[in-house]
């Protein structure tokens, strides 16, 4: 595992948390916020 991969993966997880927080502030419902955020993250690769 390269140092770049380690540092970048840490930054990525923090950015994911900010995406989820923004979605939650927008929709205010936990289930909807989870569904929308996970749909964005996993939907595009599918």
ModelCIF file with pLDDT and N, C-alpha, C, O atoms, coordinates in Angstrom:
data_MODEL
#
_entry.id   MODEL 
#
_entity.id                         1 
_entity.type                       polymer 
_entity.pdbx_number_of_molecules   1 
#
_entity_poly.entity_id                      1 
_entity_poly.type                           'polypeptide(L)' 
_entity_poly.nstd_linkage                   no 
_entity_poly.nstd_monomer                   no 
_entity_poly.pdbx_seq_one_letter_code       
;(UNK)(UNK)(UNK)(UNK)(UNK)(UNK)(UNK)(UNK)(UNK)(UNK)(UNK)(UNK)(UNK)(UNK)(UNK)(UNK)
(UNK)(UNK)(UNK)(UNK)(UNK)(UNK)(UNK)(UNK)(UNK)(UNK)(UNK)(UNK)(UNK)(UNK)(UNK)(UNK)
(UNK)(UNK)(UNK)(UNK)(UNK)(UNK)(UNK)(UNK)(UNK)(UNK)(UNK)(UNK)(UNK)(UNK)
;
_entity_poly.pdbx_seq_one_letter_code_can   XXXXXXXXXXXXXXXXXXXXXXXXXXXXXXXXXXXXXXXXXXXXXX 
_entity_poly.pdbx_strand_id                 A 
#
loop_
_entity_poly_seq.entity_id 
_entity_poly_seq.num 
_entity_poly_seq.mon_id 
_entity_poly_seq.hetero 
1 1  UNK n 
1 2  UNK n 
1 3  UNK n 
1 4  UNK n 
1 5  UNK n 
1 6  UNK n 
1 7  UNK n 
1 8  UNK n 
1 9  UNK n 
1 10 UNK n 
1 11 UNK n 
1 12 UNK n 
1 13 UNK n 
1 14 UNK n 
1 15 UNK n 
1 16 UNK n 
1 17 UNK n 
1 18 UNK n 
1 19 UNK n 
1 20 UNK n 
1 21 UNK n 
1 22 UNK n 
1 23 UNK n 
1 24 UNK n 
1 25 UNK n 
1 26 UNK n 
1 27 UNK n 
1 28 UNK n 
1 29 UNK n 
1 30 UNK n 
1 31 UNK n 
1 32 UNK n 
1 33 UNK n 
1 34 UNK n 
1 35 UNK n 
1 36 UNK n 
1 37 UNK n 
1 38 UNK n 
1 39 UNK n 
1 40 UNK n 
1 41 UNK n 
1 42 UNK n 
1 43 UNK n 
1 44 UNK n 
1 45 UNK n 
1 46 UNK n 
#
_struct_asym.id          A 
_struct_asym.entity_id   1 
#
loop_
_ma_qa_metric.id 
_ma_qa_metric.mode 
_ma_qa_metric.name 
_ma_qa_metric.software_group_id 
_ma_qa_metric.type 
1 global pLDDT . pLDDT 
2 local  pLDDT . pLDDT 
#
_ma_qa_metric_global.metric_id      1 
_ma_qa_metric_global.metric_value   94.04 
_ma_qa_metric_global.model_id       1 
_ma_qa_metric_global.ordinal_id     1 
#
loop_
_ma_qa_metric_local.label_asym_id 
_ma_qa_metric_local.label_comp_id 
_ma_qa_metric_local.label_seq_id 
_ma_qa_metric_local.metric_id 
_ma_qa_metric_local.metric_value 
_ma_qa_metric_local.model_id 
_ma_qa_metric_local.ordinal_id 
A UNK 1  2 89.00 1 1  
A UNK 2  2 90.00 1 2  
A UNK 3  2 92.00 1 3  
A UNK 4  2 91.00 1 4  
A UNK 5  2 93.00 1 5  
A UNK 6  2 95.00 1 6  
A UNK 7  2 95.00 1 7  
A UNK 8  2 95.00 1 8  
A UNK 9  2 96.00 1 9  
A UNK 10 2 97.00 1 10 
A UNK 11 2 97.00 1 11 
A UNK 12 2 97.00 1 12 
A UNK 13 2 98.00 1 13 
A UNK 14 2 98.00 1 14 
A UNK 15 2 98.00 1 15 
A UNK 16 2 98.00 1 16 
A UNK 17 2 97.00 1 17 
A UNK 18 2 98.00 1 18 
A UNK 19 2 98.00 1 19 
A UNK 20 2 97.00 1 20 
A UNK 21 2 96.00 1 21 
A UNK 22 2 96.00 1 22 
A UNK 23 2 96.00 1 23 
A UNK 24 2 94.00 1 24 
A UNK 25 2 91.00 1 25 
A UNK 26 2 92.00 1 26 
A UNK 27 2 91.00 1 27 
A UNK 28 2 85.00 1 28 
A UNK 29 2 89.00 1 29 
A UNK 30 2 90.00 1 30 
A UNK 31 2 93.00 1 31 
A UNK 32 2 95.00 1 32 
A UNK 33 2 95.00 1 33 
A UNK 34 2 96.00 1 34 
A UNK 35 2 96.00 1 35 
A UNK 36 2 97.00 1 36 
A UNK 37 2 97.00 1 37 
A UNK 38 2 97.00 1 38 
A UNK 39 2 96.00 1 39 
A UNK 40 2 95.00 1 40 
A UNK 41 2 96.00 1 41 
A UNK 42 2 95.00 1 42 
A UNK 43 2 91.00 1 43 
A UNK 44 2 87.00 1 44 
A UNK 45 2 85.00 1 45 
A UNK 46 2 86.00 1 46 
#
loop_
_atom_site.group_PDB 
_atom_site.id 
_atom_site.type_symbol 
_atom_site.label_atom_id 
_atom_site.label_alt_id 
_atom_site.label_comp_id 
_atom_site.label_asym_id 
_atom_site.label_entity_id 
_atom_site.label_seq_id 
_atom_site.pdbx_PDB_ins_code 
_atom_site.Cartn_x 
_atom_site.Cartn_y 
_atom_site.Cartn_z 
_atom_site.occupancy 
_atom_site.B_iso_or_equiv 
_atom_site.pdbx_formal_charge 
_atom_site.auth_seq_id 
_atom_site.auth_comp_id 
_atom_site.auth_asym_id 
_atom_site.auth_atom_id 
_atom_site.pdbx_PDB_model_num 
ATOM 1   N N  . UNK A 1 1  ? 0.849   -1.191 0.000   1.00 89.00 ? 1  UNK A N  1 
ATOM 2   C CA . UNK A 1 1  ? 0.000   0.000  0.000   1.00 89.00 ? 1  UNK A CA 1 
ATOM 3   C C  . UNK A 1 1  ? 0.888   1.246  0.000   1.00 89.00 ? 1  UNK A C  1 
ATOM 4   O O  . UNK A 1 1  ? 1.781   1.373  0.838   1.00 89.00 ? 1  UNK A O  1 
ATOM 5   N N  . UNK A 1 2  ? 0.647   2.151  -0.925  1.00 90.00 ? 2  UNK A N  1 
ATOM 6   C CA . UNK A 1 2  ? 1.459   3.350  -1.039  1.00 90.00 ? 2  UNK A CA 1 
ATOM 7   C C  . UNK A 1 2  ? 1.003   4.419  -0.053  1.00 90.00 ? 2  UNK A C  1 
ATOM 8   O O  . UNK A 1 2  ? -0.166  4.446  0.330   1.00 90.00 ? 2  UNK A O  1 
ATOM 9   N N  . UNK A 1 3  ? 1.921   5.308  0.365   1.00 92.00 ? 3  UNK A N  1 
ATOM 10  C CA . UNK A 1 3  ? 1.510   6.420  1.236   1.00 92.00 ? 3  UNK A CA 1 
ATOM 11  C C  . UNK A 1 3  ? 0.436   7.296  0.602   1.00 92.00 ? 3  UNK A C  1 
ATOM 12  O O  . UNK A 1 3  ? -0.431  7.825  1.298   1.00 92.00 ? 3  UNK A O  1 
ATOM 13  N N  . UNK A 1 4  ? 0.495   7.448  -0.703  1.00 91.00 ? 4  UNK A N  1 
ATOM 14  C CA . UNK A 1 4  ? -0.531  8.234  -1.407  1.00 91.00 ? 4  UNK A CA 1 
ATOM 15  C C  . UNK A 1 4  ? -1.909  7.609  -1.243  1.00 91.00 ? 4  UNK A C  1 
ATOM 16  O O  . UNK A 1 4  ? -2.892  8.306  -0.995  1.00 91.00 ? 4  UNK A O  1 
ATOM 17  N N  . UNK A 1 5  ? -1.970  6.290  -1.385  1.00 93.00 ? 5  UNK A N  1 
ATOM 18  C CA . UNK A 1 5  ? -3.249  5.595  -1.236  1.00 93.00 ? 5  UNK A CA 1 
ATOM 19  C C  . UNK A 1 5  ? -3.787  5.721  0.183   1.00 93.00 ? 5  UNK A C  1 
ATOM 20  O O  . UNK A 1 5  ? -4.993  5.869  0.379   1.00 93.00 ? 5  UNK A O  1 
ATOM 21  N N  . UNK A 1 6  ? -2.904  5.663  1.171   1.00 95.00 ? 6  UNK A N  1 
ATOM 22  C CA . UNK A 1 6  ? -3.322  5.798  2.567   1.00 95.00 ? 6  UNK A CA 1 
ATOM 23  C C  . UNK A 1 6  ? -3.883  7.190  2.827   1.00 95.00 ? 6  UNK A C  1 
ATOM 24  O O  . UNK A 1 6  ? -4.990  7.333  3.346   1.00 95.00 ? 6  UNK A O  1 
ATOM 25  N N  . UNK A 1 7  ? -3.116  8.216  2.466   1.00 95.00 ? 7  UNK A N  1 
ATOM 26  C CA . UNK A 1 7  ? -3.549  9.588  2.714   1.00 95.00 ? 7  UNK A CA 1 
ATOM 27  C C  . UNK A 1 7  ? -4.821  9.919  1.932   1.00 95.00 ? 7  UNK A C  1 
ATOM 28  O O  . UNK A 1 7  ? -5.743  10.533 2.468   1.00 95.00 ? 7  UNK A O  1 
ATOM 29  N N  . UNK A 1 8  ? -4.864  9.513  0.674   1.00 95.00 ? 8  UNK A N  1 
ATOM 30  C CA . UNK A 1 8  ? -6.026  9.813  -0.152  1.00 95.00 ? 8  UNK A CA 1 
ATOM 31  C C  . UNK A 1 8  ? -7.286  9.126  0.325   1.00 95.00 ? 8  UNK A C  1 
ATOM 32  O O  . UNK A 1 8  ? -8.375  9.695  0.242   1.00 95.00 ? 8  UNK A O  1 
ATOM 33  N N  . UNK A 1 9  ? -7.150  7.899  0.827   1.00 96.00 ? 9  UNK A N  1 
ATOM 34  C CA . UNK A 1 9  ? -8.317  7.173  1.324   1.00 96.00 ? 9  UNK A CA 1 
ATOM 35  C C  . UNK A 1 9  ? -8.874  7.821  2.590   1.00 96.00 ? 9  UNK A C  1 
ATOM 36  O O  . UNK A 1 9  ? -10.087 7.845  2.801   1.00 96.00 ? 9  UNK A O  1 
ATOM 37  N N  . UNK A 1 10 ? -7.988  8.341  3.422   1.00 97.00 ? 10 UNK A N  1 
ATOM 38  C CA . UNK A 1 10 ? -8.435  9.058  4.621   1.00 97.00 ? 10 UNK A CA 1 
ATOM 39  C C  . UNK A 1 10 ? -9.216  10.309 4.231   1.00 97.00 ? 10 UNK A C  1 
ATOM 40  O O  . UNK A 1 10 ? -10.291 10.578 4.767   1.00 97.00 ? 10 UNK A O  1 
ATOM 41  N N  . UNK A 1 11 ? -8.657  11.070 3.289   1.00 97.00 ? 11 UNK A N  1 
ATOM 42  C CA . UNK A 1 11 ? -9.344  12.279 2.821   1.00 97.00 ? 11 UNK A CA 1 
ATOM 43  C C  . UNK A 1 11 ? -10.691 11.922 2.199   1.00 97.00 ? 11 UNK A C  1 
ATOM 44  O O  . UNK A 1 11 ? -11.680 12.627 2.402   1.00 97.00 ? 11 UNK A O  1 
ATOM 45  N N  . UNK A 1 12 ? -10.726 10.833 1.445   1.00 97.00 ? 12 UNK A N  1 
ATOM 46  C CA . UNK A 1 12 ? -11.969 10.409 0.791   1.00 97.00 ? 12 UNK A CA 1 
ATOM 47  C C  . UNK A 1 12 ? -13.074 10.152 1.814   1.00 97.00 ? 12 UNK A C  1 
ATOM 48  O O  . UNK A 1 12 ? -14.204 10.604 1.625   1.00 97.00 ? 12 UNK A O  1 
ATOM 49  N N  . UNK A 1 13 ? -12.767 9.440  2.887   1.00 98.00 ? 13 UNK A N  1 
ATOM 50  C CA . UNK A 1 13 ? -13.791 9.137  3.893   1.00 98.00 ? 13 UNK A CA 1 
ATOM 51  C C  . UNK A 1 13 ? -14.311 10.409 4.558   1.00 98.00 ? 13 UNK A C  1 
ATOM 52  O O  . UNK A 1 13 ? -15.503 10.507 4.852   1.00 98.00 ? 13 UNK A O  1 
ATOM 53  N N  . UNK A 1 14 ? -13.445 11.370 4.793   1.00 98.00 ? 14 UNK A N  1 
ATOM 54  C CA . UNK A 1 14 ? -13.894 12.641 5.371   1.00 98.00 ? 14 UNK A CA 1 
ATOM 55  C C  . UNK A 1 14 ? -14.819 13.360 4.406   1.00 98.00 ? 14 UNK A C  1 
ATOM 56  O O  . UNK A 1 14 ? -15.834 13.917 4.823   1.00 98.00 ? 14 UNK A O  1 
ATOM 57  N N  . UNK A 1 15 ? -14.481 13.358 3.114   1.00 98.00 ? 15 UNK A N  1 
ATOM 58  C CA . UNK A 1 15 ? -15.342 13.999 2.110   1.00 98.00 ? 15 UNK A CA 1 
ATOM 59  C C  . UNK A 1 15 ? -16.703 13.308 2.029   1.00 98.00 ? 15 UNK A C  1 
ATOM 60  O O  . UNK A 1 15 ? -17.728 13.966 1.853   1.00 98.00 ? 15 UNK A O  1 
ATOM 61  N N  . UNK A 1 16 ? -16.709 11.989 2.157   1.00 98.00 ? 16 UNK A N  1 
ATOM 62  C CA . UNK A 1 16 ? -17.980 11.250 2.157   1.00 98.00 ? 16 UNK A CA 1 
ATOM 63  C C  . UNK A 1 16 ? -18.848 11.693 3.327   1.00 98.00 ? 16 UNK A C  1 
ATOM 64  O O  . UNK A 1 16 ? -20.062 11.839 3.182   1.00 98.00 ? 16 UNK A O  1 
ATOM 65  N N  . UNK A 1 17 ? -18.230 11.907 4.484   1.00 97.00 ? 17 UNK A N  1 
ATOM 66  C CA . UNK A 1 17 ? -19.005 12.357 5.651   1.00 97.00 ? 17 UNK A CA 1 
ATOM 67  C C  . UNK A 1 17 ? -19.630 13.722 5.397   1.00 97.00 ? 17 UNK A C  1 
ATOM 68  O O  . UNK A 1 17 ? -20.752 13.983 5.834   1.00 97.00 ? 17 UNK A O  1 
ATOM 69  N N  . UNK A 1 18 ? -18.919 14.587 4.700   1.00 98.00 ? 18 UNK A N  1 
ATOM 70  C CA . UNK A 1 18 ? -19.455 15.916 4.409   1.00 98.00 ? 18 UNK A CA 1 
ATOM 71  C C  . UNK A 1 18 ? -20.585 15.849 3.388   1.00 98.00 ? 18 UNK A C  1 
ATOM 72  O O  . UNK A 1 18 ? -21.560 16.594 3.489   1.00 98.00 ? 18 UNK A O  1 
ATOM 73  N N  . UNK A 1 19 ? -20.460 14.973 2.420   1.00 98.00 ? 19 UNK A N  1 
ATOM 74  C CA . UNK A 1 19 ? -21.540 14.758 1.457   1.00 98.00 ? 19 UNK A CA 1 
ATOM 75  C C  . UNK A 1 19 ? -22.798 14.282 2.179   1.00 98.00 ? 19 UNK A C  1 
ATOM 76  O O  . UNK A 1 19 ? -23.891 14.794 1.937   1.00 98.00 ? 19 UNK A O  1 
ATOM 77  N N  . UNK A 1 20 ? -22.640 13.306 3.061   1.00 97.00 ? 20 UNK A N  1 
ATOM 78  C CA . UNK A 1 20 ? -23.784 12.763 3.791   1.00 97.00 ? 20 UNK A CA 1 
ATOM 79  C C  . UNK A 1 20 ? -24.417 13.805 4.698   1.00 97.00 ? 20 UNK A C  1 
ATOM 80  O O  . UNK A 1 20 ? -25.641 13.871 4.811   1.00 97.00 ? 20 UNK A O  1 
ATOM 81  N N  . UNK A 1 21 ? -23.589 14.620 5.345   1.00 96.00 ? 21 UNK A N  1 
ATOM 82  C CA . UNK A 1 21 ? -24.122 15.651 6.228   1.00 96.00 ? 21 UNK A CA 1 
ATOM 83  C C  . UNK A 1 21 ? -24.940 16.664 5.431   1.00 96.00 ? 21 UNK A C  1 
ATOM 84  O O  . UNK A 1 21 ? -26.016 17.077 5.863   1.00 96.00 ? 21 UNK A O  1 
ATOM 85  N N  . UNK A 1 22 ? -24.425 17.061 4.266   1.00 96.00 ? 22 UNK A N  1 
ATOM 86  C CA . UNK A 1 22 ? -25.161 18.005 3.435   1.00 96.00 ? 22 UNK A CA 1 
ATOM 87  C C  . UNK A 1 22 ? -26.490 17.453 2.968   1.00 96.00 ? 22 UNK A C  1 
ATOM 88  O O  . UNK A 1 22 ? -27.495 18.164 2.964   1.00 96.00 ? 22 UNK A O  1 
ATOM 89  N N  . UNK A 1 23 ? -26.503 16.189 2.574   1.00 96.00 ? 23 UNK A N  1 
ATOM 90  C CA . UNK A 1 23 ? -27.751 15.556 2.143   1.00 96.00 ? 23 UNK A CA 1 
ATOM 91  C C  . UNK A 1 23 ? -28.733 15.480 3.308   1.00 96.00 ? 23 UNK A C  1 
ATOM 92  O O  . UNK A 1 23 ? -29.926 15.738 3.141   1.00 96.00 ? 23 UNK A O  1 
ATOM 93  N N  . UNK A 1 24 ? -28.228 15.127 4.486   1.00 94.00 ? 24 UNK A N  1 
ATOM 94  C CA . UNK A 1 24 ? -29.101 15.034 5.667   1.00 94.00 ? 24 UNK A CA 1 
ATOM 95  C C  . UNK A 1 24 ? -29.694 16.396 6.025   1.00 94.00 ? 24 UNK A C  1 
ATOM 96  O O  . UNK A 1 24 ? -30.863 16.484 6.400   1.00 94.00 ? 24 UNK A O  1 
ATOM 97  N N  . UNK A 1 25 ? -28.892 17.459 5.910   1.00 91.00 ? 25 UNK A N  1 
ATOM 98  C CA . UNK A 1 25 ? -29.401 18.798 6.193   1.00 91.00 ? 25 UNK A CA 1 
ATOM 99  C C  . UNK A 1 25 ? -30.454 19.209 5.172   1.00 91.00 ? 25 UNK A C  1 
ATOM 100 O O  . UNK A 1 25 ? -31.348 20.001 5.471   1.00 91.00 ? 25 UNK A O  1 
ATOM 101 N N  . UNK A 1 26 ? -30.341 18.668 3.973   1.00 92.00 ? 26 UNK A N  1 
ATOM 102 C CA . UNK A 1 26 ? -31.298 19.008 2.913   1.00 92.00 ? 26 UNK A CA 1 
ATOM 103 C C  . UNK A 1 26 ? -32.622 18.264 3.079   1.00 92.00 ? 26 UNK A C  1 
ATOM 104 O O  . UNK A 1 26 ? -33.689 18.866 2.963   1.00 92.00 ? 26 UNK A O  1 
ATOM 105 N N  . UNK A 1 27 ? -32.559 16.949 3.351   1.00 91.00 ? 27 UNK A N  1 
ATOM 106 C CA . UNK A 1 27 ? -33.787 16.133 3.382   1.00 91.00 ? 27 UNK A CA 1 
ATOM 107 C C  . UNK A 1 27 ? -34.317 15.919 4.799   1.00 91.00 ? 27 UNK A C  1 
ATOM 108 O O  . UNK A 1 27 ? -35.514 15.697 4.981   1.00 91.00 ? 27 UNK A O  1 
ATOM 109 N N  . UNK A 1 28 ? -33.432 15.984 5.813   1.00 85.00 ? 28 UNK A N  1 
ATOM 110 C CA . UNK A 1 28 ? -33.782 15.942 7.233   1.00 85.00 ? 28 UNK A CA 1 
ATOM 111 C C  . UNK A 1 28 ? -34.302 14.604 7.735   1.00 85.00 ? 28 UNK A C  1 
ATOM 112 O O  . UNK A 1 28 ? -34.518 14.459 8.938   1.00 85.00 ? 28 UNK A O  1 
ATOM 113 N N  . UNK A 1 29 ? -34.505 13.658 6.899   1.00 89.00 ? 29 UNK A N  1 
ATOM 114 C CA . UNK A 1 29 ? -34.978 12.332 7.302   1.00 89.00 ? 29 UNK A CA 1 
ATOM 115 C C  . UNK A 1 29 ? -33.817 11.350 7.182   1.00 89.00 ? 29 UNK A C  1 
ATOM 116 O O  . UNK A 1 29 ? -33.155 11.285 6.146   1.00 89.00 ? 29 UNK A O  1 
ATOM 117 N N  . UNK A 1 30 ? -33.573 10.581 8.253   1.00 90.00 ? 30 UNK A N  1 
ATOM 118 C CA . UNK A 1 30 ? -32.395 9.710  8.290   1.00 90.00 ? 30 UNK A CA 1 
ATOM 119 C C  . UNK A 1 30 ? -32.426 8.658  7.191   1.00 90.00 ? 30 UNK A C  1 
ATOM 120 O O  . UNK A 1 30 ? -31.429 8.465  6.494   1.00 90.00 ? 30 UNK A O  1 
ATOM 121 N N  . UNK A 1 31 ? -33.555 7.976  7.025   1.00 93.00 ? 31 UNK A N  1 
ATOM 122 C CA . UNK A 1 31 ? -33.637 6.911  6.029   1.00 93.00 ? 31 UNK A CA 1 
ATOM 123 C C  . UNK A 1 31 ? -33.456 7.457  4.615   1.00 93.00 ? 31 UNK A C  1 
ATOM 124 O O  . UNK A 1 31 ? -32.754 6.865  3.795   1.00 93.00 ? 31 UNK A O  1 
ATOM 125 N N  . UNK A 1 32 ? -34.094 8.592  4.341   1.00 95.00 ? 32 UNK A N  1 
ATOM 126 C CA . UNK A 1 32 ? -33.969 9.192  3.008   1.00 95.00 ? 32 UNK A CA 1 
ATOM 127 C C  . UNK A 1 32 ? -32.539 9.666  2.770   1.00 95.00 ? 32 UNK A C  1 
ATOM 128 O O  . UNK A 1 32 ? -31.986 9.465  1.689   1.00 95.00 ? 32 UNK A O  1 
ATOM 129 N N  . UNK A 1 33 ? -31.943 10.293 3.779   1.00 95.00 ? 33 UNK A N  1 
ATOM 130 C CA . UNK A 1 33 ? -30.570 10.778 3.640   1.00 95.00 ? 33 UNK A CA 1 
ATOM 131 C C  . UNK A 1 33 ? -29.597 9.629  3.391   1.00 95.00 ? 33 UNK A C  1 
ATOM 132 O O  . UNK A 1 33 ? -28.706 9.730  2.548   1.00 95.00 ? 33 UNK A O  1 
ATOM 133 N N  . UNK A 1 34 ? -29.776 8.534  4.135   1.00 96.00 ? 34 UNK A N  1 
ATOM 134 C CA . UNK A 1 34 ? -28.924 7.360  3.909   1.00 96.00 ? 34 UNK A CA 1 
ATOM 135 C C  . UNK A 1 34 ? -29.117 6.817  2.505   1.00 96.00 ? 34 UNK A C  1 
ATOM 136 O O  . UNK A 1 34 ? -28.147 6.516  1.809   1.00 96.00 ? 34 UNK A O  1 
ATOM 137 N N  . UNK A 1 35 ? -30.380 6.690  2.088   1.00 96.00 ? 35 UNK A N  1 
ATOM 138 C CA . UNK A 1 35 ? -30.660 6.136  0.770   1.00 96.00 ? 35 UNK A CA 1 
ATOM 139 C C  . UNK A 1 35 ? -30.097 6.985  -0.351  1.00 96.00 ? 35 UNK A C  1 
ATOM 140 O O  . UNK A 1 35 ? -29.509 6.461  -1.298  1.00 96.00 ? 35 UNK A O  1 
ATOM 141 N N  . UNK A 1 36 ? -30.274 8.297  -0.250  1.00 97.00 ? 36 UNK A N  1 
ATOM 142 C CA . UNK A 1 36 ? -29.780 9.192  -1.298  1.00 97.00 ? 36 UNK A CA 1 
ATOM 143 C C  . UNK A 1 36 ? -28.255 9.155  -1.369  1.00 97.00 ? 36 UNK A C  1 
ATOM 144 O O  . UNK A 1 36 ? -27.679 9.029  -2.449  1.00 97.00 ? 36 UNK A O  1 
ATOM 145 N N  . UNK A 1 37 ? -27.610 9.264  -0.209  1.00 97.00 ? 37 UNK A N  1 
ATOM 146 C CA . UNK A 1 37 ? -26.149 9.307  -0.195  1.00 97.00 ? 37 UNK A CA 1 
ATOM 147 C C  . UNK A 1 37 ? -25.536 7.992  -0.679  1.00 97.00 ? 37 UNK A C  1 
ATOM 148 O O  . UNK A 1 37 ? -24.620 8.001  -1.501  1.00 97.00 ? 37 UNK A O  1 
ATOM 149 N N  . UNK A 1 38 ? -26.033 6.874  -0.179  1.00 97.00 ? 38 UNK A N  1 
ATOM 150 C CA . UNK A 1 38 ? -25.510 5.585  -0.619  1.00 97.00 ? 38 UNK A CA 1 
ATOM 151 C C  . UNK A 1 38 ? -25.839 5.333  -2.084  1.00 97.00 ? 38 UNK A C  1 
ATOM 152 O O  . UNK A 1 38 ? -25.065 4.697  -2.799  1.00 97.00 ? 38 UNK A O  1 
ATOM 153 N N  . UNK A 1 39 ? -26.995 5.837  -2.529  1.00 96.00 ? 39 UNK A N  1 
ATOM 154 C CA . UNK A 1 39 ? -27.331 5.713  -3.942  1.00 96.00 ? 39 UNK A CA 1 
ATOM 155 C C  . UNK A 1 39 ? -26.349 6.462  -4.822  1.00 96.00 ? 39 UNK A C  1 
ATOM 156 O O  . UNK A 1 39 ? -25.959 5.975  -5.883  1.00 96.00 ? 39 UNK A O  1 
ATOM 157 N N  . UNK A 1 40 ? -25.947 7.658  -4.378  1.00 95.00 ? 40 UNK A N  1 
ATOM 158 C CA . UNK A 1 40 ? -24.954 8.430  -5.128  1.00 95.00 ? 40 UNK A CA 1 
ATOM 159 C C  . UNK A 1 40 ? -23.616 7.699  -5.149  1.00 95.00 ? 40 UNK A C  1 
ATOM 160 O O  . UNK A 1 40 ? -22.967 7.612  -6.192  1.00 95.00 ? 40 UNK A O  1 
ATOM 161 N N  . UNK A 1 41 ? -23.209 7.179  -4.010  1.00 96.00 ? 41 UNK A N  1 
ATOM 162 C CA . UNK A 1 41 ? -21.891 6.540  -3.921  1.00 96.00 ? 41 UNK A CA 1 
ATOM 163 C C  . UNK A 1 41 ? -21.823 5.230  -4.695  1.00 96.00 ? 41 UNK A C  1 
ATOM 164 O O  . UNK A 1 41 ? -20.881 5.004  -5.454  1.00 96.00 ? 41 UNK A O  1 
ATOM 165 N N  . UNK A 1 42 ? -22.820 4.368  -4.505  1.00 95.00 ? 42 UNK A N  1 
ATOM 166 C CA . UNK A 1 42 ? -22.766 3.047  -5.118  1.00 95.00 ? 42 UNK A CA 1 
ATOM 167 C C  . UNK A 1 42 ? -23.491 2.969  -6.456  1.00 95.00 ? 42 UNK A C  1 
ATOM 168 O O  . UNK A 1 42 ? -23.256 2.051  -7.243  1.00 95.00 ? 42 UNK A O  1 
ATOM 169 N N  . UNK A 1 43 ? -24.372 3.934  -6.713  1.00 91.00 ? 43 UNK A N  1 
ATOM 170 C CA . UNK A 1 43 ? -25.176 3.866  -7.938  1.00 91.00 ? 43 UNK A CA 1 
ATOM 171 C C  . UNK A 1 43 ? -24.381 4.095  -9.208  1.00 91.00 ? 43 UNK A C  1 
ATOM 172 O O  . UNK A 1 43 ? -24.550 3.369  -10.188 1.00 91.00 ? 43 UNK A O  1 
ATOM 173 N N  . UNK A 1 44 ? -23.508 5.106  -9.199  1.00 87.00 ? 44 UNK A N  1 
ATOM 174 C CA . UNK A 1 44 ? -22.739 5.401  -10.404 1.00 87.00 ? 44 UNK A CA 1 
ATOM 175 C C  . UNK A 1 44 ? -21.864 4.216  -10.850 1.00 87.00 ? 44 UNK A C  1 
ATOM 176 O O  . UNK A 1 44 ? -21.858 3.893  -12.038 1.00 87.00 ? 44 UNK A O  1 
ATOM 177 N N  . UNK A 1 45 ? -21.129 3.560  -9.943  1.00 85.00 ? 45 UNK A N  1 
ATOM 178 C CA . UNK A 1 45 ? -20.339 2.398  -10.382 1.00 85.00 ? 45 UNK A CA 1 
ATOM 179 C C  . UNK A 1 45 ? -21.198 1.274  -10.963 1.00 85.00 ? 45 UNK A C  1 
ATOM 180 O O  . UNK A 1 45 ? -20.795 0.609  -11.917 1.00 85.00 ? 45 UNK A O  1 
ATOM 181 N N  . UNK A 1 46 ? -22.391 1.064  -10.380 1.00 86.00 ? 46 UNK A N  1 
ATOM 182 C CA . UNK A 1 46 ? -23.274 0.017  -10.908 1.00 86.00 ? 46 UNK A CA 1 
ATOM 183 C C  . UNK A 1 46 ? -23.729 0.354  -12.327 1.00 86.00 ? 46 UNK A C  1 
ATOM 184 O O  . UNK A 1 46 ? -24.478 -0.412 -12.934 1.00 86.00 ? 46 UNK A O  1 
#
